[in-house]
Amino acid sequence: MRQLILAITALFLPAAANAGGPLGDSPPVTGQRTKVLTLGTFHLSEVKNFSSDWLTPLLDKLAAYRPQIITIEAVAGEQCAMMKANPDVYSDAFETYCWDLADIEKVTGFSTAAANAEIRKTLDSWPAAPLATQRRRLAMLFLAAGDRPSAQVQWLRLPPSERRVGDGIDEKMLGILRRDNGKKNENYDVASALAARLGLERVYLVDDHSSDAALANEPEAFGKAQAARFEGFRETPLFQAYQGDIASMTDAKSTLAYYRKLNAAGAQEAQIRGDFGGALSAPGRELFGRHYVGWWEVRNLRMAANVRQSFVTQPGVRVLNIVGSSHKPWYDALMGMMSDVEVIDAASALR
């Protein structure tokens, strides 16, 4: 029956789109509109000697928004499995954005697909007050699924005395959960920390690099042209100002100030016009710059679709997206096209 309904719906979609197009800015809905706030962020790893304590005022502001779904710029395990299975197209993306789960699969017995199925089954019957053994097992399942940030949420929700080996967690996984590498990362230090603080069970990984297939057959000249353009960008006043902003963060006050600057109205305009606008008009008969912008737009469309998928069955919730700041203009524009979504001004939330 479900497949029949989807098929019938698909038959009518082209006619409906041709007749009326989108439903308008604010079509009537039953219940509350879904609120979507997108926080543009820098990468914490760029800041020398960054301390997680500097994020306290930011986390306080975001907690006041009370998000019920948090999405992050990370590639889901399912897509990583697909990319691993197609190395001729995605080998670079897999190496850059994914973890090889072969060792964890050997220990746990769960493939990525099996782990995700078990996660869905577990959360469907999740108790109001889970035992520590249940949280450790769920953390293990998230690790097996390639979802380290959600595993971190479970870990942070455990009492410190219960953050130990057991229930599928071995010493290697313990090191991952303790973050023994010492690297700062907004997916953990902002998203996972906030989710645990708010009593959420997970975050949602919505980045997309299946879009990289669009550039899989580009000639070597494309890479050289892009490298030259990026190198030239590093010499611009805009990049120098960015470097100054990164260096200016030395405490909680200056960190919150930079987040406010990043999320102010029009804050990304100069950067996206310089990068993507410059690429569109870059000289050369190969039009490599337009290839780059096309890839970027495909990636953002798919990321926005993943965000939208996260709340399909939860209309009316409050969603927080945490994403690299150059994605924010696309997120806001695309979320604004969704029929029952109210885009929340990030600048107002950070005041």
Foldseek 3Di string as FASTA:
>chain_A
DVVVVVVVVVVCVVVVCVPPNFPDQADDDPDAFAEEEEFADDWQLVFPPDDLQLCVLVLVLVVVLPFQAEEEAADWLVVLVVLVVPVLQRVVVNVVGFDDLPVLCVQQVDALVRLVVVLVVCVVPPDPDDDLLSLQLNLSSCVNNRNNLLSLLSLVLDDPVSLDDDNSRDPVNSCSSVVVVPGDGCSRSPVSVSCNVSVHRGHHHQFDDVLSSLCSPPDPVLVVVVVVLVVVVCPDPVVVVVVVLSHQDDHNVSNLVVSLLLQPVPSCVVVCCSQLVCLCPPDDPVSSSVSVNVSVLVRLVRSLVSVCVVCPVPGPGYYYYYYHSNSVVSNQVVQSSDHRYDYDRVSVSSD
